[in-house]
Amino acid sequence: MLLQPRAGWGAVVIQNEKLIHELFGPVVIDPMDVYYIGAEKKSNNTAELTAIMEVTLFTHSLTLFTNFLALLRTLIGPFVYKRIYGY
């Protein structure tokens, strides 16, 4: 039996150093699912991007803290990223 890959995301909403809300869920790849946002496969990359999208939908704004460089390149564009960070 072939195991299906699993990927999940999680995020917290903090305001004035106080935890406001915790968000989490699976990466959804079924276009018919009400929570589908466009992911085509379950991976760490789609989990990171799903978290960003879900937090943005929840708060309508976003201050991002991440160590995921590919995510930054995706959000601000590779040319801007290279100009800012040099690689």
N, C-alpha and C. Protein backbone atom coordinates (compact mmCIF):
# COMPACT_ATOMS: atom_id res chain seq x y z
N MET A 1 0.84 -1.18 0.00
CA MET A 1 0.00 0.00 0.00
C MET A 1 0.89 1.25 0.00
N LEU A 2 0.59 2.18 -0.89
CA LEU A 2 1.34 3.41 -1.00
C LEU A 2 0.78 4.44 -0.03
N LEU A 3 1.65 5.02 0.79
CA LEU A 3 1.22 6.04 1.73
C LEU A 3 1.07 7.39 1.03
N GLN A 4 0.01 8.09 1.35
CA GLN A 4 -0.20 9.43 0.80
C GLN A 4 0.62 10.43 1.61
N PRO A 5 1.29 11.37 0.95
CA PRO A 5 2.05 12.38 1.71
C PRO A 5 1.10 13.25 2.53
N ARG A 6 1.58 13.70 3.68
CA ARG A 6 0.80 14.59 4.52
C ARG A 6 1.57 15.89 4.70
N ALA A 7 0.87 16.98 4.75
CA ALA A 7 1.50 18.27 5.02
C ALA A 7 0.48 19.13 5.75
N GLY A 8 0.95 19.80 6.78
CA GLY A 8 0.08 20.67 7.55
C GLY A 8 0.76 22.00 7.80
N TRP A 9 -0.01 22.96 8.17
CA TRP A 9 0.50 24.29 8.43
C TRP A 9 -0.04 24.77 9.77
N GLY A 10 0.65 25.73 10.34
CA GLY A 10 0.22 26.32 11.60
C GLY A 10 0.74 27.74 11.70
N ALA A 11 0.01 28.58 12.40
CA ALA A 11 0.41 29.97 12.58
C ALA A 11 -0.27 30.52 13.82
N VAL A 12 0.31 31.54 14.38
CA VAL A 12 -0.31 32.23 15.51
C VAL A 12 -0.49 33.70 15.16
N VAL A 13 -1.53 34.29 15.71
CA VAL A 13 -1.79 35.72 15.56
C VAL A 13 -1.50 36.35 16.91
N ILE A 14 -0.55 37.27 16.93
CA ILE A 14 -0.14 37.94 18.16
C ILE A 14 -0.35 39.44 18.00
N GLN A 15 -0.94 40.04 19.02
CA GLN A 15 -1.16 41.49 19.00
C GLN A 15 -0.79 42.04 20.37
N ASN A 16 0.05 43.06 20.38
CA ASN A 16 0.52 43.65 21.64
C ASN A 16 1.10 42.59 22.57
N GLU A 17 1.91 41.70 22.00
CA GLU A 17 2.58 40.62 22.73
C GLU A 17 1.61 39.64 23.39
N LYS A 18 0.39 39.58 22.90
CA LYS A 18 -0.62 38.67 23.45
C LYS A 18 -1.14 37.75 22.34
N LEU A 19 -1.22 36.46 22.64
CA LEU A 19 -1.74 35.49 21.67
C LEU A 19 -3.23 35.74 21.46
N ILE A 20 -3.59 36.01 20.22
CA ILE A 20 -4.98 36.30 19.87
C ILE A 20 -5.67 35.06 19.32
N HIS A 21 -4.97 34.32 18.45
CA HIS A 21 -5.60 33.17 17.80
C HIS A 21 -4.54 32.21 17.29
N GLU A 22 -4.87 30.93 17.29
CA GLU A 22 -4.03 29.90 16.68
C GLU A 22 -4.75 29.36 15.46
N LEU A 23 -4.03 29.28 14.35
CA LEU A 23 -4.59 28.76 13.10
C LEU A 23 -3.77 27.55 12.69
N PHE A 24 -4.43 26.52 12.16
CA PHE A 24 -3.71 25.33 11.70
C PHE A 24 -4.64 24.51 10.82
N GLY A 25 -4.03 23.64 10.03
CA GLY A 25 -4.82 22.76 9.19
C GLY A 25 -3.95 22.01 8.20
N PRO A 26 -4.57 21.17 7.40
CA PRO A 26 -3.82 20.42 6.39
C PRO A 26 -3.66 21.25 5.12
N VAL A 27 -2.69 20.88 4.31
CA VAL A 27 -2.58 21.43 2.96
C VAL A 27 -3.63 20.72 2.12
N VAL A 28 -4.52 21.48 1.52
CA VAL A 28 -5.63 20.93 0.73
C VAL A 28 -5.28 20.99 -0.74
N ILE A 29 -5.36 19.84 -1.43
CA ILE A 29 -5.04 19.81 -2.86
C ILE A 29 -6.24 19.47 -3.73
N ASP A 30 -7.39 19.30 -3.13
CA ASP A 30 -8.62 18.98 -3.87
C ASP A 30 -9.32 20.27 -4.27
N PRO A 31 -9.39 20.59 -5.57
CA PRO A 31 -10.03 21.83 -6.01
C PRO A 31 -11.50 21.96 -5.62
N MET A 32 -12.14 20.86 -5.29
CA MET A 32 -13.55 20.90 -4.90
C MET A 32 -13.74 21.18 -3.41
N ASP A 33 -12.66 21.13 -2.65
CA ASP A 33 -12.73 21.38 -1.20
C ASP A 33 -12.90 22.87 -0.94
N VAL A 34 -13.74 23.22 0.01
CA VAL A 34 -14.00 24.62 0.33
C VAL A 34 -12.75 25.34 0.83
N TYR A 35 -11.77 24.62 1.37
CA TYR A 35 -10.55 25.22 1.88
C TYR A 35 -9.39 25.21 0.87
N TYR A 36 -9.66 24.83 -0.35
CA TYR A 36 -8.64 24.79 -1.40
C TYR A 36 -8.21 26.21 -1.76
N ILE A 37 -6.87 26.46 -1.77
CA ILE A 37 -6.37 27.78 -2.15
C ILE A 37 -5.40 27.71 -3.32
N GLY A 38 -5.24 26.53 -3.92
CA GLY A 38 -4.42 26.42 -5.12
C GLY A 38 -3.24 25.48 -5.04
N ALA A 39 -2.99 24.86 -3.89
CA ALA A 39 -1.86 23.94 -3.78
C ALA A 39 -2.08 22.73 -4.68
N GLU A 40 -1.03 22.33 -5.39
CA GLU A 40 -1.12 21.18 -6.29
C GLU A 40 -0.52 19.92 -5.69
N LYS A 41 0.32 20.07 -4.64
CA LYS A 41 0.87 18.90 -3.97
C LYS A 41 1.12 19.25 -2.51
N LYS A 42 1.25 18.21 -1.71
CA LYS A 42 1.50 18.40 -0.28
C LYS A 42 3.00 18.40 -0.04
N SER A 43 3.52 19.52 0.43
CA SER A 43 4.95 19.64 0.69
C SER A 43 5.19 20.70 1.76
N ASN A 44 6.42 20.80 2.22
CA ASN A 44 6.74 21.86 3.18
C ASN A 44 6.55 23.24 2.55
N ASN A 45 6.84 23.36 1.26
CA ASN A 45 6.67 24.64 0.58
C ASN A 45 5.21 25.05 0.51
N THR A 46 4.33 24.13 0.12
CA THR A 46 2.92 24.48 0.05
C THR A 46 2.34 24.71 1.44
N ALA A 47 2.88 24.05 2.46
CA ALA A 47 2.43 24.29 3.83
C ALA A 47 2.79 25.71 4.26
N GLU A 48 4.01 26.16 3.97
CA GLU A 48 4.42 27.52 4.32
C GLU A 48 3.55 28.55 3.61
N LEU A 49 3.33 28.35 2.33
CA LEU A 49 2.51 29.30 1.57
C LEU A 49 1.06 29.28 2.00
N THR A 50 0.54 28.10 2.36
CA THR A 50 -0.83 28.01 2.86
C THR A 50 -0.97 28.77 4.17
N ALA A 51 0.01 28.66 5.06
CA ALA A 51 -0.03 29.39 6.32
C ALA A 51 -0.10 30.90 6.07
N ILE A 52 0.72 31.39 5.15
CA ILE A 52 0.71 32.82 4.84
C ILE A 52 -0.65 33.25 4.31
N MET A 53 -1.21 32.47 3.41
CA MET A 53 -2.52 32.81 2.84
C MET A 53 -3.61 32.79 3.90
N GLU A 54 -3.62 31.77 4.74
CA GLU A 54 -4.66 31.66 5.76
C GLU A 54 -4.58 32.78 6.79
N VAL A 55 -3.37 33.14 7.21
CA VAL A 55 -3.22 34.25 8.16
C VAL A 55 -3.66 35.56 7.53
N THR A 56 -3.30 35.76 6.28
CA THR A 56 -3.70 36.98 5.59
C THR A 56 -5.22 37.06 5.45
N LEU A 57 -5.86 35.95 5.14
CA LEU A 57 -7.32 35.93 5.06
C LEU A 57 -7.96 36.19 6.43
N PHE A 58 -7.34 35.69 7.48
CA PHE A 58 -7.88 35.85 8.82
C PHE A 58 -7.71 37.29 9.34
N THR A 59 -6.55 37.88 9.10
CA THR A 59 -6.25 39.19 9.68
C THR A 59 -6.40 40.36 8.72
N HIS A 60 -6.39 40.08 7.44
CA HIS A 60 -6.41 41.10 6.37
C HIS A 60 -5.12 41.91 6.34
N SER A 61 -4.12 41.51 7.10
CA SER A 61 -2.80 42.13 7.06
C SER A 61 -1.80 41.11 7.59
N LEU A 62 -0.51 41.44 7.48
CA LEU A 62 0.48 40.44 7.86
C LEU A 62 1.83 41.07 8.15
N THR A 63 2.41 40.72 9.28
CA THR A 63 3.82 40.96 9.55
C THR A 63 4.43 39.58 9.65
N LEU A 64 5.39 39.29 8.81
CA LEU A 64 5.89 37.93 8.65
C LEU A 64 7.25 37.76 9.29
N PHE A 65 7.37 36.70 10.10
CA PHE A 65 8.65 36.27 10.64
C PHE A 65 8.87 34.85 10.16
N THR A 66 9.90 34.62 9.36
CA THR A 66 10.16 33.30 8.82
C THR A 66 11.65 33.08 8.59
N ASN A 67 12.06 31.83 8.60
CA ASN A 67 13.42 31.48 8.24
C ASN A 67 13.45 30.74 6.91
N PHE A 68 12.36 30.77 6.19
CA PHE A 68 12.19 30.03 4.95
C PHE A 68 12.51 30.96 3.77
N LEU A 69 13.75 30.90 3.28
CA LEU A 69 14.20 31.84 2.26
C LEU A 69 13.41 31.73 0.96
N ALA A 70 13.03 30.52 0.58
CA ALA A 70 12.26 30.35 -0.66
C ALA A 70 10.92 31.08 -0.56
N LEU A 71 10.35 31.10 0.63
CA LEU A 71 9.09 31.81 0.83
C LEU A 71 9.28 33.31 0.60
N LEU A 72 10.36 33.86 1.14
CA LEU A 72 10.62 35.28 0.92
C LEU A 72 10.81 35.59 -0.56
N ARG A 73 11.55 34.72 -1.26
CA ARG A 73 11.75 34.92 -2.69
C ARG A 73 10.43 34.88 -3.44
N THR A 74 9.53 33.98 -3.03
CA THR A 74 8.23 33.87 -3.68
C THR A 74 7.39 35.11 -3.43
N LEU A 75 7.40 35.61 -2.21
CA LEU A 75 6.55 36.74 -1.85
C LEU A 75 7.02 38.06 -2.44
N ILE A 76 8.33 38.31 -2.43
CA ILE A 76 8.81 39.61 -2.90
C ILE A 76 9.45 39.55 -4.28
N GLY A 77 9.61 38.37 -4.82
CA GLY A 77 10.19 38.22 -6.15
C GLY A 77 11.69 38.00 -6.09
N PRO A 78 12.22 37.14 -6.96
CA PRO A 78 13.63 36.78 -6.90
C PRO A 78 14.57 37.96 -7.15
N PHE A 79 14.18 38.90 -8.00
CA PHE A 79 15.07 40.01 -8.32
C PHE A 79 15.17 40.99 -7.16
N VAL A 80 14.04 41.28 -6.52
CA VAL A 80 14.05 42.16 -5.36
C VAL A 80 14.81 41.50 -4.22
N TYR A 81 14.56 40.21 -4.03
CA TYR A 81 15.24 39.48 -2.96
C TYR A 81 16.76 39.53 -3.14
N LYS A 82 17.22 39.27 -4.36
CA LYS A 82 18.66 39.27 -4.64
C LYS A 82 19.24 40.66 -4.40
N ARG A 83 18.51 41.67 -4.78
CA ARG A 83 19.00 43.05 -4.59
C ARG A 83 19.11 43.40 -3.11
N ILE A 84 18.18 42.93 -2.30
CA ILE A 84 18.20 43.22 -0.87
C ILE A 84 19.24 42.38 -0.14
N TYR A 85 19.24 41.06 -0.40
CA TYR A 85 20.06 40.14 0.37
C TYR A 85 21.35 39.70 -0.34
N GLY A 86 21.47 39.97 -1.61
CA GLY A 86 22.70 39.68 -2.33
C GLY A 86 22.85 38.25 -2.82
N TYR A 87 21.87 37.40 -2.65
CA TYR A 87 21.94 36.02 -3.17
C TYR A 87 20.56 35.49 -3.46
